[in-house]
Amino acid sequence: MTTNGTHLKGLAKDLKAAGLKRVNVSLPTLDPEVFNAVMGGDLQDAIDGVRAAVEAELRPVKVNMLVLKNVNDGEIDKMIEFAAETGTILQLIELEPINLSKGYYERYHLGLGEIAQKLEKLASETRVRKYMQKRRVYTLPKVKVEVIRPIENTEFCANCTRLRVTSDGKLKPCLMRKDNLVDILTPMRNGADDRKLTEIFIEAVKKRQPYYGATQTAKITA
């Protein structure tokens, strides 16, 4: 599950008992004012949520830090320390040029190439996740840090087998798209049996199409 973590403090143990195995918490900053500006809400709620998820033994707990130029890019070292202290994995995420205005992207985008090079020098081991966009995982003395590059890296779509469920009960075959969702919540509430649910999952999988390939084809034919 991916969440902003603000309700995890009270729900982490129940989610674990219900079968949830792992969680990603979006936490771009440790500065309360920046957090409120970027995410809205109280930073402490999110921090308490991260700690509660670790205590509930959801493994691994990953902290997602979307890196924004001149907003939180000066906090990466602090976030690494936070991940080490909480026993979580830090994921540094490069801003994607998707569902954003050109002006917003140009203002806040920061390439993570230089940061990745610094991590490479500090790491005792660097592992490549072959089936996860070939992203690199850097093992530092007390923490692991993953770097997630944008979809223009063609490996982003290659070998993707993920199928997500949105907060309103839709199966989502592609993280980047909103036009191929399949409703599963309504059939479940209407008593759909296992056969019907299997058909719904198959329908969702058939709607899978590599986002990168689709957008590149559109650019060529435009």
N, C-alpha and C. Protein backbone atom coordinates (compact mmCIF):
# COMPACT_ATOMS: atom_id res chain seq x y z
N MET A 1 0.84 -1.18 0.00
CA MET A 1 0.00 0.00 0.00
C MET A 1 0.88 1.24 0.00
N THR A 2 0.47 2.23 -0.78
CA THR A 2 1.15 3.53 -0.78
C THR A 2 0.21 4.54 -0.13
N THR A 3 0.73 5.32 0.81
CA THR A 3 -0.12 6.20 1.61
C THR A 3 0.68 7.42 2.05
N ASN A 4 -0.05 8.48 2.46
CA ASN A 4 0.64 9.63 3.06
C ASN A 4 0.94 9.39 4.54
N GLY A 5 0.46 8.28 5.07
CA GLY A 5 0.84 7.86 6.41
C GLY A 5 0.16 8.55 7.57
N THR A 6 -0.71 9.51 7.29
CA THR A 6 -1.24 10.32 8.37
C THR A 6 -2.21 9.56 9.29
N HIS A 7 -2.73 8.43 8.84
CA HIS A 7 -3.63 7.63 9.69
C HIS A 7 -3.01 6.28 10.07
N LEU A 8 -1.77 6.07 9.71
CA LEU A 8 -1.14 4.78 9.98
C LEU A 8 -0.95 4.50 11.46
N LYS A 9 -0.76 5.55 12.24
CA LYS A 9 -0.53 5.34 13.66
C LYS A 9 -1.66 4.51 14.28
N GLY A 10 -2.88 4.80 13.91
CA GLY A 10 -4.01 4.09 14.49
C GLY A 10 -4.44 2.86 13.71
N LEU A 11 -3.89 2.67 12.51
CA LEU A 11 -4.36 1.59 11.65
C LEU A 11 -3.33 0.52 11.33
N ALA A 12 -2.06 0.79 11.57
CA ALA A 12 -0.99 -0.10 11.11
C ALA A 12 -1.17 -1.54 11.60
N LYS A 13 -1.47 -1.73 12.87
CA LYS A 13 -1.61 -3.08 13.42
C LYS A 13 -2.81 -3.80 12.84
N ASP A 14 -3.91 -3.08 12.66
CA ASP A 14 -5.10 -3.69 12.08
C ASP A 14 -4.87 -4.06 10.61
N LEU A 15 -4.15 -3.22 9.89
CA LEU A 15 -3.83 -3.52 8.49
C LEU A 15 -2.93 -4.75 8.39
N LYS A 16 -1.99 -4.85 9.30
CA LYS A 16 -1.12 -6.02 9.34
C LYS A 16 -1.95 -7.28 9.61
N ALA A 17 -2.85 -7.20 10.57
CA ALA A 17 -3.69 -8.34 10.92
C ALA A 17 -4.61 -8.73 9.77
N ALA A 18 -5.00 -7.75 8.94
CA ALA A 18 -5.89 -8.01 7.81
C ALA A 18 -5.17 -8.60 6.61
N GLY A 19 -3.84 -8.64 6.68
CA GLY A 19 -3.08 -9.27 5.60
C GLY A 19 -2.12 -8.37 4.84
N LEU A 20 -2.10 -7.07 5.17
CA LEU A 20 -1.15 -6.18 4.50
C LEU A 20 0.27 -6.57 4.90
N LYS A 21 1.15 -6.64 3.91
CA LYS A 21 2.52 -7.09 4.19
C LYS A 21 3.53 -5.95 4.22
N ARG A 22 3.32 -4.93 3.38
CA ARG A 22 4.32 -3.87 3.29
C ARG A 22 3.64 -2.55 2.94
N VAL A 23 4.38 -1.47 3.15
CA VAL A 23 3.78 -0.15 2.91
C VAL A 23 4.84 0.84 2.46
N ASN A 24 4.46 1.74 1.56
CA ASN A 24 5.29 2.86 1.16
C ASN A 24 4.62 4.14 1.68
N VAL A 25 5.39 4.98 2.34
CA VAL A 25 4.84 6.22 2.89
C VAL A 25 5.46 7.41 2.17
N SER A 26 4.61 8.26 1.60
CA SER A 26 5.09 9.46 0.92
C SER A 26 5.49 10.50 1.97
N LEU A 27 6.77 10.79 2.03
CA LEU A 27 7.29 11.73 3.03
C LEU A 27 8.41 12.54 2.37
N PRO A 28 8.09 13.66 1.74
CA PRO A 28 9.08 14.40 0.98
C PRO A 28 10.01 15.28 1.80
N THR A 29 9.70 15.47 3.08
CA THR A 29 10.46 16.43 3.88
C THR A 29 10.28 16.16 5.37
N LEU A 30 11.21 16.67 6.15
CA LEU A 30 11.10 16.64 7.61
C LEU A 30 10.87 18.04 8.17
N ASP A 31 10.61 18.97 7.29
CA ASP A 31 10.31 20.35 7.68
C ASP A 31 8.80 20.52 7.73
N PRO A 32 8.23 20.85 8.89
CA PRO A 32 6.77 20.94 9.02
C PRO A 32 6.12 21.91 8.04
N GLU A 33 6.75 23.06 7.80
CA GLU A 33 6.16 24.05 6.90
C GLU A 33 6.20 23.56 5.46
N VAL A 34 7.30 22.96 5.06
CA VAL A 34 7.41 22.43 3.70
C VAL A 34 6.43 21.28 3.51
N PHE A 35 6.32 20.43 4.53
CA PHE A 35 5.38 19.31 4.46
C PHE A 35 3.96 19.80 4.24
N ASN A 36 3.57 20.80 5.00
CA ASN A 36 2.21 21.33 4.87
C ASN A 36 1.98 21.95 3.50
N ALA A 37 3.02 22.59 2.96
CA ALA A 37 2.88 23.22 1.64
C ALA A 37 2.79 22.17 0.53
N VAL A 38 3.57 21.10 0.65
CA VAL A 38 3.62 20.08 -0.40
C VAL A 38 2.51 19.06 -0.26
N MET A 39 2.31 18.57 0.96
CA MET A 39 1.38 17.47 1.21
C MET A 39 0.07 17.90 1.84
N GLY A 40 0.13 18.96 2.64
CA GLY A 40 -1.01 19.34 3.46
C GLY A 40 -1.04 18.49 4.71
N GLY A 41 -1.46 19.08 5.82
CA GLY A 41 -1.55 18.31 7.05
C GLY A 41 -0.36 18.47 7.96
N ASP A 42 -0.30 17.60 8.97
CA ASP A 42 0.69 17.68 10.04
C ASP A 42 1.80 16.67 9.81
N LEU A 43 3.02 17.15 9.73
CA LEU A 43 4.18 16.28 9.52
C LEU A 43 4.27 15.21 10.59
N GLN A 44 3.99 15.56 11.84
CA GLN A 44 4.15 14.60 12.94
C GLN A 44 3.25 13.38 12.75
N ASP A 45 2.07 13.58 12.17
CA ASP A 45 1.17 12.46 11.91
C ASP A 45 1.82 11.46 10.96
N ALA A 46 2.48 11.97 9.94
CA ALA A 46 3.14 11.10 8.98
C ALA A 46 4.32 10.37 9.61
N ILE A 47 5.11 11.09 10.42
CA ILE A 47 6.25 10.47 11.09
C ILE A 47 5.78 9.38 12.05
N ASP A 48 4.74 9.69 12.81
CA ASP A 48 4.18 8.68 13.72
C ASP A 48 3.67 7.47 12.94
N GLY A 49 3.13 7.72 11.75
CA GLY A 49 2.65 6.63 10.91
C GLY A 49 3.77 5.72 10.45
N VAL A 50 4.90 6.33 10.08
CA VAL A 50 6.06 5.53 9.67
C VAL A 50 6.52 4.64 10.82
N ARG A 51 6.64 5.23 11.99
CA ARG A 51 7.10 4.46 13.15
C ARG A 51 6.11 3.35 13.52
N ALA A 52 4.82 3.64 13.39
CA ALA A 52 3.80 2.64 13.72
C ALA A 52 3.86 1.48 12.73
N ALA A 53 4.11 1.77 11.47
CA ALA A 53 4.21 0.72 10.46
C ALA A 53 5.40 -0.20 10.73
N VAL A 54 6.51 0.39 11.14
CA VAL A 54 7.69 -0.41 11.49
C VAL A 54 7.39 -1.27 12.72
N GLU A 55 6.75 -0.66 13.71
CA GLU A 55 6.42 -1.38 14.94
C GLU A 55 5.44 -2.53 14.67
N ALA A 56 4.55 -2.34 13.70
CA ALA A 56 3.58 -3.38 13.34
C ALA A 56 4.21 -4.48 12.49
N GLU A 57 5.50 -4.32 12.18
CA GLU A 57 6.26 -5.32 11.42
C GLU A 57 5.76 -5.45 9.98
N LEU A 58 5.34 -4.34 9.41
CA LEU A 58 5.11 -4.29 7.97
C LEU A 58 6.49 -4.17 7.33
N ARG A 59 6.84 -5.14 6.48
CA ARG A 59 8.22 -5.17 5.97
C ARG A 59 8.25 -5.42 4.47
N PRO A 60 9.04 -4.59 3.75
CA PRO A 60 9.71 -3.41 4.30
C PRO A 60 8.78 -2.20 4.34
N VAL A 61 9.14 -1.24 5.17
CA VAL A 61 8.51 0.08 5.14
C VAL A 61 9.44 0.98 4.32
N LYS A 62 8.91 1.53 3.23
CA LYS A 62 9.72 2.41 2.39
C LYS A 62 9.20 3.84 2.50
N VAL A 63 10.13 4.77 2.57
CA VAL A 63 9.80 6.19 2.62
C VAL A 63 10.05 6.78 1.23
N ASN A 64 8.99 7.29 0.61
CA ASN A 64 9.10 7.87 -0.73
C ASN A 64 9.37 9.36 -0.64
N MET A 65 10.52 9.77 -1.13
CA MET A 65 10.87 11.19 -1.15
C MET A 65 10.91 11.67 -2.60
N LEU A 66 9.86 12.38 -3.01
CA LEU A 66 9.86 13.01 -4.32
C LEU A 66 10.75 14.25 -4.22
N VAL A 67 11.82 14.26 -4.97
CA VAL A 67 12.81 15.34 -4.87
C VAL A 67 12.39 16.51 -5.76
N LEU A 68 12.21 17.68 -5.15
CA LEU A 68 11.80 18.88 -5.87
C LEU A 68 12.87 19.96 -5.72
N LYS A 69 13.29 20.50 -6.84
CA LYS A 69 14.35 21.50 -6.86
C LYS A 69 13.97 22.73 -6.05
N ASN A 70 14.88 23.15 -5.19
CA ASN A 70 14.71 24.34 -4.35
C ASN A 70 13.55 24.23 -3.36
N VAL A 71 13.06 23.01 -3.14
CA VAL A 71 12.01 22.79 -2.16
C VAL A 71 12.52 21.86 -1.06
N ASN A 72 12.98 20.68 -1.44
CA ASN A 72 13.46 19.72 -0.44
C ASN A 72 14.76 19.04 -0.83
N ASP A 73 15.40 19.48 -1.93
CA ASP A 73 16.62 18.82 -2.39
C ASP A 73 17.78 18.99 -1.41
N GLY A 74 17.66 19.94 -0.49
CA GLY A 74 18.71 20.11 0.52
C GLY A 74 18.53 19.20 1.73
N GLU A 75 17.48 18.37 1.72
CA GLU A 75 17.18 17.53 2.88
C GLU A 75 17.52 16.05 2.68
N ILE A 76 18.15 15.72 1.59
CA ILE A 76 18.39 14.31 1.30
C ILE A 76 19.22 13.64 2.40
N ASP A 77 20.25 14.31 2.88
CA ASP A 77 21.06 13.73 3.96
C ASP A 77 20.23 13.49 5.21
N LYS A 78 19.35 14.44 5.54
CA LYS A 78 18.48 14.29 6.71
C LYS A 78 17.52 13.11 6.54
N MET A 79 17.03 12.95 5.32
CA MET A 79 16.10 11.85 5.05
C MET A 79 16.81 10.50 5.13
N ILE A 80 18.06 10.46 4.72
CA ILE A 80 18.85 9.24 4.85
C ILE A 80 19.03 8.90 6.33
N GLU A 81 19.32 9.91 7.13
CA GLU A 81 19.47 9.70 8.58
C GLU A 81 18.16 9.23 9.20
N PHE A 82 17.04 9.81 8.76
CA PHE A 82 15.74 9.41 9.28
C PHE A 82 15.44 7.95 8.94
N ALA A 83 15.73 7.56 7.72
CA ALA A 83 15.49 6.17 7.30
C ALA A 83 16.36 5.22 8.11
N ALA A 84 17.60 5.60 8.35
CA ALA A 84 18.49 4.76 9.14
C ALA A 84 17.98 4.62 10.57
N GLU A 85 17.50 5.72 11.12
CA GLU A 85 17.04 5.73 12.51
C GLU A 85 15.75 4.93 12.69
N THR A 86 14.89 4.94 11.68
CA THR A 86 13.60 4.25 11.78
C THR A 86 13.62 2.83 11.24
N GLY A 87 14.72 2.46 10.60
CA GLY A 87 14.79 1.11 10.04
C GLY A 87 13.96 0.96 8.77
N THR A 88 13.87 2.04 8.01
CA THR A 88 13.12 2.02 6.76
C THR A 88 14.07 2.12 5.57
N ILE A 89 13.52 1.96 4.37
CA ILE A 89 14.29 2.13 3.13
C ILE A 89 13.87 3.45 2.49
N LEU A 90 14.83 4.26 2.10
CA LEU A 90 14.53 5.54 1.48
C LEU A 90 14.51 5.39 -0.04
N GLN A 91 13.42 5.86 -0.66
CA GLN A 91 13.34 5.89 -2.11
C GLN A 91 13.37 7.34 -2.58
N LEU A 92 14.40 7.70 -3.33
CA LEU A 92 14.49 9.03 -3.92
C LEU A 92 13.86 8.96 -5.30
N ILE A 93 12.85 9.80 -5.52
CA ILE A 93 12.06 9.73 -6.75
C ILE A 93 12.22 11.00 -7.56
N GLU A 94 12.57 10.84 -8.81
CA GLU A 94 12.72 11.99 -9.71
C GLU A 94 11.34 12.40 -10.24
N LEU A 95 11.09 13.70 -10.29
CA LEU A 95 9.81 14.22 -10.75
C LEU A 95 9.55 13.81 -12.19
N GLU A 96 8.33 13.30 -12.45
CA GLU A 96 7.93 12.85 -13.78
C GLU A 96 7.21 13.97 -14.53
N PRO A 97 7.40 14.05 -15.84
CA PRO A 97 6.69 15.06 -16.64
C PRO A 97 5.30 14.58 -17.03
N ILE A 98 4.52 14.12 -16.05
CA ILE A 98 3.21 13.53 -16.32
C ILE A 98 2.16 14.26 -15.50
N ASN A 99 1.06 14.63 -16.16
CA ASN A 99 -0.04 15.32 -15.49
C ASN A 99 0.42 16.61 -14.80
N LEU A 100 1.43 17.24 -15.39
CA LEU A 100 1.96 18.49 -14.85
C LEU A 100 2.04 19.51 -15.97
N SER A 101 1.97 20.78 -15.62
CA SER A 101 2.21 21.81 -16.62
C SER A 101 3.70 21.86 -16.92
N LYS A 102 4.04 22.32 -18.11
CA LYS A 102 5.43 22.44 -18.50
C LYS A 102 6.18 23.36 -17.55
N GLY A 103 5.50 24.43 -17.13
CA GLY A 103 6.14 25.39 -16.23
C GLY A 103 6.46 24.77 -14.88
N TYR A 104 5.52 23.98 -14.33
CA TYR A 104 5.74 23.34 -13.03
C TYR A 104 6.91 22.37 -13.13
N TYR A 105 6.92 21.57 -14.18
CA TYR A 105 8.00 20.59 -14.34
C TYR A 105 9.36 21.27 -14.45
N GLU A 106 9.44 22.29 -15.26
CA GLU A 106 10.72 22.99 -15.45
C GLU A 106 11.18 23.68 -14.16
N ARG A 107 10.22 24.12 -13.37
CA ARG A 107 10.56 24.84 -12.13
C ARG A 107 11.08 23.89 -11.05
N TYR A 108 10.50 22.69 -10.97
CA TYR A 108 10.80 21.83 -9.84
C TYR A 108 11.59 20.56 -10.17
N HIS A 109 11.76 20.26 -11.45
CA HIS A 109 12.46 19.03 -11.78
C HIS A 109 13.95 19.13 -11.47
N LEU A 110 14.48 18.06 -10.86
CA LEU A 110 15.90 17.95 -10.58
C LEU A 110 16.34 16.54 -10.95
N GLY A 111 17.25 16.44 -11.92
CA GLY A 111 17.78 15.13 -12.29
C GLY A 111 18.55 14.52 -11.12
N LEU A 112 18.41 13.22 -10.95
CA LEU A 112 19.05 12.56 -9.81
C LEU A 112 20.38 11.90 -10.17
N GLY A 113 20.89 12.19 -11.35
CA GLY A 113 22.15 11.57 -11.77
C GLY A 113 23.32 11.88 -10.84
N GLU A 114 23.47 13.14 -10.47
CA GLU A 114 24.58 13.53 -9.61
C GLU A 114 24.44 12.92 -8.21
N ILE A 115 23.20 12.89 -7.72
CA ILE A 115 22.95 12.28 -6.41
C ILE A 115 23.28 10.80 -6.44
N ALA A 116 22.90 10.13 -7.52
CA ALA A 116 23.19 8.70 -7.66
C ALA A 116 24.69 8.45 -7.66
N GLN A 117 25.45 9.32 -8.28
CA GLN A 117 26.90 9.16 -8.31
C GLN A 117 27.49 9.28 -6.91
N LYS A 118 26.97 10.21 -6.12
CA LYS A 118 27.45 10.38 -4.74
C LYS A 118 27.13 9.14 -3.91
N LEU A 119 25.92 8.60 -4.09
CA LEU A 119 25.54 7.40 -3.35
C LEU A 119 26.42 6.22 -3.74
N GLU A 120 26.76 6.15 -5.02
CA GLU A 120 27.63 5.07 -5.51
C GLU A 120 28.96 5.06 -4.77
N LYS A 121 29.50 6.25 -4.53
CA LYS A 121 30.79 6.35 -3.85
C LYS A 121 30.69 5.98 -2.38
N LEU A 122 29.53 6.24 -1.77
CA LEU A 122 29.35 5.96 -0.35
C LEU A 122 28.94 4.52 -0.06
N ALA A 123 28.39 3.85 -1.07
CA ALA A 123 27.78 2.54 -0.86
C ALA A 123 28.82 1.43 -0.75
N SER A 124 28.56 0.50 0.14
CA SER A 124 29.39 -0.70 0.24
C SER A 124 28.97 -1.73 -0.80
N GLU A 125 27.74 -1.57 -1.29
CA GLU A 125 27.22 -2.48 -2.33
C GLU A 125 26.14 -1.74 -3.13
N THR A 126 26.13 -1.98 -4.42
CA THR A 126 25.08 -1.44 -5.29
C THR A 126 24.42 -2.60 -6.02
N ARG A 127 23.10 -2.71 -5.85
CA ARG A 127 22.36 -3.80 -6.48
C ARG A 127 21.39 -3.23 -7.51
N VAL A 128 21.26 -3.91 -8.63
CA VAL A 128 20.34 -3.50 -9.68
C VAL A 128 19.11 -4.38 -9.63
N ARG A 129 17.93 -3.76 -9.50
CA ARG A 129 16.67 -4.51 -9.49
C ARG A 129 16.22 -4.70 -10.93
N LYS A 130 16.55 -5.84 -11.49
CA LYS A 130 16.37 -6.12 -12.91
C LYS A 130 14.94 -5.90 -13.38
N TYR A 131 13.96 -6.36 -12.59
CA TYR A 131 12.57 -6.27 -13.02
C TYR A 131 11.83 -5.06 -12.45
N MET A 132 12.57 -4.11 -11.93
CA MET A 132 11.99 -2.86 -11.44
C MET A 132 12.74 -1.69 -12.06
N GLN A 133 12.61 -1.59 -13.39
CA GLN A 133 13.21 -0.51 -14.18
C GLN A 133 14.74 -0.45 -14.06
N LYS A 134 15.32 -1.55 -13.63
CA LYS A 134 16.76 -1.61 -13.40
C LYS A 134 17.22 -0.51 -12.44
N ARG A 135 16.34 -0.16 -11.50
CA ARG A 135 16.70 0.86 -10.53
C ARG A 135 17.81 0.34 -9.62
N ARG A 136 18.60 1.23 -9.10
CA ARG A 136 19.73 0.85 -8.27
C ARG A 136 19.41 1.04 -6.78
N VAL A 137 19.88 0.08 -6.01
CA VAL A 137 19.72 0.12 -4.56
C VAL A 137 21.11 0.23 -3.96
N TYR A 138 21.34 1.31 -3.21
CA TYR A 138 22.65 1.59 -2.64
C TYR A 138 22.64 1.22 -1.15
N THR A 139 23.53 0.33 -0.78
CA THR A 139 23.63 -0.07 0.62
C THR A 139 24.67 0.81 1.32
N LEU A 140 24.18 1.72 2.14
CA LEU A 140 25.06 2.60 2.92
C LEU A 140 25.29 1.95 4.28
N PRO A 141 26.15 2.50 5.12
CA PRO A 141 26.49 1.85 6.40
C PRO A 141 25.29 1.43 7.24
N LYS A 142 24.22 2.24 7.28
CA LYS A 142 23.11 1.91 8.17
C LYS A 142 21.75 1.90 7.48
N VAL A 143 21.74 2.04 6.17
CA VAL A 143 20.46 2.20 5.48
C VAL A 143 20.61 1.87 4.00
N LYS A 144 19.49 1.50 3.38
CA LYS A 144 19.46 1.30 1.93
C LYS A 144 18.70 2.45 1.28
N VAL A 145 19.21 2.90 0.14
CA VAL A 145 18.59 4.00 -0.60
C VAL A 145 18.37 3.55 -2.04
N GLU A 146 17.14 3.69 -2.53
CA GLU A 146 16.83 3.38 -3.92
C GLU A 146 16.64 4.69 -4.68
N VAL A 147 17.05 4.68 -5.94
CA VAL A 147 16.87 5.86 -6.79
C VAL A 147 15.96 5.48 -7.95
N ILE A 148 14.86 6.22 -8.08
CA ILE A 148 13.86 5.91 -9.10
C ILE A 148 13.91 7.00 -10.16
N ARG A 149 14.33 6.60 -11.36
CA ARG A 149 14.46 7.55 -12.47
C ARG A 149 13.17 7.61 -13.27
N PRO A 150 13.02 8.61 -14.14
CA PRO A 150 11.75 8.82 -14.84
C PRO A 150 11.45 7.78 -15.92
N ILE A 151 10.20 7.81 -16.41
CA ILE A 151 9.77 6.82 -17.38
C ILE A 151 10.47 6.96 -18.72
N GLU A 152 11.15 8.09 -18.96
CA GLU A 152 11.89 8.22 -20.21
C GLU A 152 13.02 7.18 -20.26
N ASN A 153 13.36 6.64 -19.09
CA ASN A 153 14.19 5.45 -19.04
C ASN A 153 13.28 4.30 -19.48
N THR A 154 13.54 3.70 -20.67
CA THR A 154 12.62 2.72 -21.23
C THR A 154 12.47 1.49 -20.35
N GLU A 155 13.39 1.29 -19.41
CA GLU A 155 13.28 0.15 -18.50
C GLU A 155 12.12 0.32 -17.53
N PHE A 156 11.57 1.52 -17.44
CA PHE A 156 10.49 1.77 -16.49
C PHE A 156 9.29 0.86 -16.76
N CYS A 157 8.97 0.69 -18.05
CA CYS A 157 7.81 -0.13 -18.41
C CYS A 157 8.16 -1.59 -18.67
N ALA A 158 9.39 -1.84 -19.06
CA ALA A 158 9.79 -3.21 -19.39
C ALA A 158 9.64 -4.11 -18.18
N ASN A 159 9.04 -5.27 -18.40
CA ASN A 159 8.90 -6.31 -17.36
C ASN A 159 7.96 -5.91 -16.22
N CYS A 160 7.17 -4.85 -16.39
CA CYS A 160 6.24 -4.46 -15.33
C CYS A 160 5.14 -5.49 -15.18
N THR A 161 4.94 -5.95 -13.96
CA THR A 161 3.87 -6.91 -13.67
C THR A 161 2.93 -6.39 -12.59
N ARG A 162 3.03 -5.11 -12.28
CA ARG A 162 2.26 -4.55 -11.18
C ARG A 162 0.79 -4.33 -11.56
N LEU A 163 -0.08 -4.55 -10.61
CA LEU A 163 -1.49 -4.25 -10.74
C LEU A 163 -1.93 -3.63 -9.42
N ARG A 164 -2.40 -2.40 -9.48
CA ARG A 164 -2.72 -1.67 -8.25
C ARG A 164 -4.23 -1.55 -8.06
N VAL A 165 -4.63 -1.28 -6.84
CA VAL A 165 -6.02 -1.00 -6.52
C VAL A 165 -6.08 0.43 -5.99
N THR A 166 -6.92 1.26 -6.60
CA THR A 166 -7.03 2.64 -6.16
C THR A 166 -7.86 2.73 -4.89
N SER A 167 -7.84 3.89 -4.26
CA SER A 167 -8.56 4.08 -3.00
C SER A 167 -10.07 3.99 -3.17
N ASP A 168 -10.56 4.13 -4.41
CA ASP A 168 -12.00 4.02 -4.64
C ASP A 168 -12.38 2.70 -5.31
N GLY A 169 -11.49 1.71 -5.24
CA GLY A 169 -11.85 0.36 -5.64
C GLY A 169 -11.73 0.04 -7.12
N LYS A 170 -10.81 0.68 -7.82
CA LYS A 170 -10.57 0.39 -9.23
C LYS A 170 -9.23 -0.34 -9.39
N LEU A 171 -9.21 -1.36 -10.25
CA LEU A 171 -7.95 -2.00 -10.61
C LEU A 171 -7.23 -1.08 -11.59
N LYS A 172 -5.92 -0.87 -11.36
CA LYS A 172 -5.15 0.10 -12.13
C LYS A 172 -3.95 -0.62 -12.76
N PRO A 173 -4.02 -0.98 -14.04
CA PRO A 173 -2.94 -1.73 -14.67
C PRO A 173 -1.67 -0.91 -14.91
N CYS A 174 -1.80 0.41 -14.96
CA CYS A 174 -0.63 1.26 -15.22
C CYS A 174 -0.61 2.42 -14.23
N LEU A 175 0.51 2.61 -13.59
CA LEU A 175 0.65 3.66 -12.59
C LEU A 175 0.41 5.04 -13.19
N MET A 176 0.77 5.22 -14.47
CA MET A 176 0.77 6.54 -15.08
C MET A 176 -0.54 6.92 -15.76
N ARG A 177 -1.45 5.96 -15.92
CA ARG A 177 -2.66 6.21 -16.70
C ARG A 177 -3.91 6.18 -15.83
N LYS A 178 -4.93 6.91 -16.29
CA LYS A 178 -6.21 6.94 -15.59
C LYS A 178 -7.35 6.48 -16.50
N ASP A 179 -7.03 6.11 -17.74
CA ASP A 179 -8.07 5.82 -18.73
C ASP A 179 -8.33 4.33 -18.93
N ASN A 180 -7.74 3.48 -18.09
CA ASN A 180 -7.96 2.04 -18.27
C ASN A 180 -8.28 1.36 -16.93
N LEU A 181 -8.96 2.07 -16.06
CA LEU A 181 -9.31 1.52 -14.76
C LEU A 181 -10.49 0.55 -14.88
N VAL A 182 -10.50 -0.47 -14.02
CA VAL A 182 -11.57 -1.46 -14.01
C VAL A 182 -12.15 -1.54 -12.60
N ASP A 183 -13.44 -1.33 -12.49
CA ASP A 183 -14.11 -1.34 -11.19
C ASP A 183 -14.19 -2.76 -10.63
N ILE A 184 -13.68 -2.95 -9.43
CA ILE A 184 -13.81 -4.25 -8.78
C ILE A 184 -14.60 -4.14 -7.47
N LEU A 185 -14.66 -2.95 -6.90
CA LEU A 185 -15.35 -2.77 -5.64
C LEU A 185 -16.86 -3.01 -5.77
N THR A 186 -17.46 -2.45 -6.82
CA THR A 186 -18.91 -2.62 -7.00
C THR A 186 -19.31 -4.09 -7.15
N PRO A 187 -18.64 -4.86 -8.02
CA PRO A 187 -18.97 -6.28 -8.12
C PRO A 187 -18.80 -7.03 -6.79
N MET A 188 -17.76 -6.69 -6.03
CA MET A 188 -17.55 -7.35 -4.74
C MET A 188 -18.71 -7.05 -3.79
N ARG A 189 -19.14 -5.80 -3.78
CA ARG A 189 -20.24 -5.41 -2.91
C ARG A 189 -21.56 -6.05 -3.35
N ASN A 190 -21.63 -6.40 -4.64
CA ASN A 190 -22.83 -7.04 -5.16
C ASN A 190 -22.76 -8.56 -5.08
N GLY A 191 -21.72 -9.07 -4.43
CA GLY A 191 -21.63 -10.51 -4.20
C GLY A 191 -20.99 -11.32 -5.29
N ALA A 192 -20.13 -10.72 -6.10
CA ALA A 192 -19.46 -11.46 -7.19
C ALA A 192 -18.68 -12.65 -6.63
N ASP A 193 -18.79 -13.79 -7.31
CA ASP A 193 -18.07 -14.98 -6.86
C ASP A 193 -16.64 -14.97 -7.40
N ASP A 194 -15.85 -15.99 -7.05
CA ASP A 194 -14.45 -16.03 -7.44
C ASP A 194 -14.28 -16.04 -8.96
N ARG A 195 -15.16 -16.73 -9.65
CA ARG A 195 -15.07 -16.79 -11.11
C ARG A 195 -15.24 -15.41 -11.72
N LYS A 196 -16.24 -14.67 -11.25
CA LYS A 196 -16.47 -13.33 -11.76
C LYS A 196 -15.30 -12.40 -11.44
N LEU A 197 -14.77 -12.51 -10.22
CA LEU A 197 -13.63 -11.67 -9.85
C LEU A 197 -12.41 -11.99 -10.69
N THR A 198 -12.22 -13.29 -11.00
CA THR A 198 -11.11 -13.69 -11.87
C THR A 198 -11.25 -13.04 -13.24
N GLU A 199 -12.47 -13.03 -13.78
CA GLU A 199 -12.72 -12.40 -15.08
C GLU A 199 -12.39 -10.92 -15.05
N ILE A 200 -12.70 -10.27 -13.93
CA ILE A 200 -12.43 -8.83 -13.80
C ILE A 200 -10.92 -8.57 -13.79
N PHE A 201 -10.19 -9.41 -13.06
CA PHE A 201 -8.73 -9.26 -13.04
C PHE A 201 -8.15 -9.48 -14.43
N ILE A 202 -8.65 -10.48 -15.15
CA ILE A 202 -8.16 -10.74 -16.51
C ILE A 202 -8.45 -9.55 -17.42
N GLU A 203 -9.64 -8.97 -17.28
CA GLU A 203 -9.98 -7.78 -18.06
C GLU A 203 -9.00 -6.65 -17.80
N ALA A 204 -8.65 -6.45 -16.53
CA ALA A 204 -7.70 -5.39 -16.18
C ALA A 204 -6.33 -5.66 -16.78
N VAL A 205 -5.88 -6.89 -16.71
CA VAL A 205 -4.57 -7.24 -17.26
C VAL A 205 -4.54 -7.02 -18.77
N LYS A 206 -5.64 -7.33 -19.45
CA LYS A 206 -5.70 -7.14 -20.90
C LYS A 206 -5.61 -5.66 -21.28
N LYS A 207 -5.93 -4.79 -20.36
CA LYS A 207 -5.84 -3.36 -20.63
C LYS A 207 -4.43 -2.81 -20.42
N ARG A 208 -3.53 -3.67 -19.97
CA ARG A 208 -2.16 -3.23 -19.73
C ARG A 208 -1.49 -2.86 -21.05
N GLN A 209 -0.89 -1.70 -21.08
CA GLN A 209 -0.13 -1.25 -22.24
C GLN A 209 1.03 -0.39 -21.76
N PRO A 210 2.26 -0.66 -22.19
CA PRO A 210 3.40 0.13 -21.70
C PRO A 210 3.20 1.62 -21.95
N TYR A 211 3.19 2.40 -20.90
CA TYR A 211 2.96 3.84 -21.02
C TYR A 211 4.01 4.49 -21.91
N TYR A 212 5.27 4.11 -21.71
CA TYR A 212 6.35 4.71 -22.48
C TYR A 212 6.15 4.45 -23.97
N GLY A 213 5.85 3.20 -24.32
CA GLY A 213 5.65 2.85 -25.71
C GLY A 213 4.48 3.58 -26.32
N ALA A 214 3.40 3.70 -25.57
CA ALA A 214 2.20 4.37 -26.07
C ALA A 214 2.46 5.85 -26.31
N THR A 215 3.15 6.50 -25.40
CA THR A 215 3.40 7.94 -25.55
C THR A 215 4.38 8.20 -26.68
N GLN A 216 5.38 7.33 -26.84
CA GLN A 216 6.34 7.52 -27.92
C GLN A 216 5.66 7.33 -29.26
N THR A 217 4.76 6.35 -29.37
CA THR A 217 4.03 6.13 -30.63
C THR A 217 3.17 7.34 -30.97
N ALA A 218 2.54 7.91 -29.96
CA ALA A 218 1.70 9.09 -30.16
C ALA A 218 2.52 10.26 -30.68
N LYS A 219 3.74 10.42 -30.16
CA LYS A 219 4.59 11.53 -30.61
C LYS A 219 5.02 11.34 -32.06
N ILE A 220 5.30 10.08 -32.44
CA ILE A 220 5.77 9.79 -33.79
C ILE A 220 4.66 10.01 -34.81
N THR A 221 3.41 9.61 -34.46
CA THR A 221 2.31 9.69 -35.40
C THR A 221 1.64 11.05 -35.41
N ALA A 222 1.96 11.89 -34.41
CA ALA A 222 1.32 13.21 -34.31
C ALA A 222 1.79 14.13 -35.43
